[in-house]
């Protein structure tokens, strides 16, 4: 059983309520589900879904809006963004501007590390199926004297600090006996990092699709190291604790639609390529490459997945990238809350 973070002080009454609910769930999960829906379904009148500049097929298909219109007509679905990357989305979440969003493995860790003594507002809802890692890379120009990762020592590297780009770089450097402190960081948003690299203001760039695929199509580059063997988590759907715990049924509806879209696109990724062409004006060949290198489905939060995420956090601490050791379980919901908010079509 995944044990959620619990405050040190709790009353006897809270224990009675908690164990009563657990007993109810054992007897009848439908009864508890009905109870959750009755008491929590109308807590919020607006649900704010965050999305990044790389695009979101769920937003494009407008399926969440249609579902809420049918089930909860008094609730407005509001898309907030685009955010440059995960750290910017999480900042908005902490400010109460985003309720649910999708980010890589690194942003929640950096956020939790930056808030000592506080219960994280960011909670983990589901994982995302890992890709094969070819949609990320540490790249240099084709004519660069930098031939291998070890040659990056002392060089200027552009990337989004606090994102999965940093994790790829840090792990790749570790493989050759180096650390982040051995390179010069050019902190940038993903788009700014790409531009700094193309303009010669950085010796290397750490980026991912769709930006990476587009650069591959227009500029002679060499990929020193992609995410194979490193990109084993691929990020999470996250939520704002204050919203999620009061609106479990809303969360369930959103994630049901996310997974349905993912299942459809996994069977026919060319549909996602069309979205990229229409919305991001990508070359059709580039869009197809992006669609073929992406994964779409979600994964339940399990002890194994949380263990992997804890390993990432411990790595950052050992590498002195974050200043304190953190416990990922502080961002984990209770088993009862997951059962109420995670739909059956997510495995």
Foldseek 3Di string as FASTA:
>chain_A
DQDFDDDPDDDPVVVVVVVVLVVVCVVPVVVSLVVLCVQFAPPAQEAEEEEAPLDDVLVVVCPLVVVCCVVPVSHHYHYDDHHLADLRVVVCQVVVRHFKYWFFLFQVLQQVLVDPPDLDQKFFQWFFAFFQQPQKFKKAAPPAPDDALVSQFAFEEEDAPRGVLQQQNQVRQVVVPHGPVRHHYDHDRQVVRLVCRVVVVGRIYIHGPPVVLQCVVPGHMDGNDTCHVPRRGGTGIIGGNVNCVSNLVSLQSVLVSQQVVQVVCVVPVLVQLVVCCVPVVDDSVSSVVRSVRDHRHIAHDDPVSLVVSLVSSVSCCVSVVRPDRDRSSSNYDDPSSSVNRHDPVHD
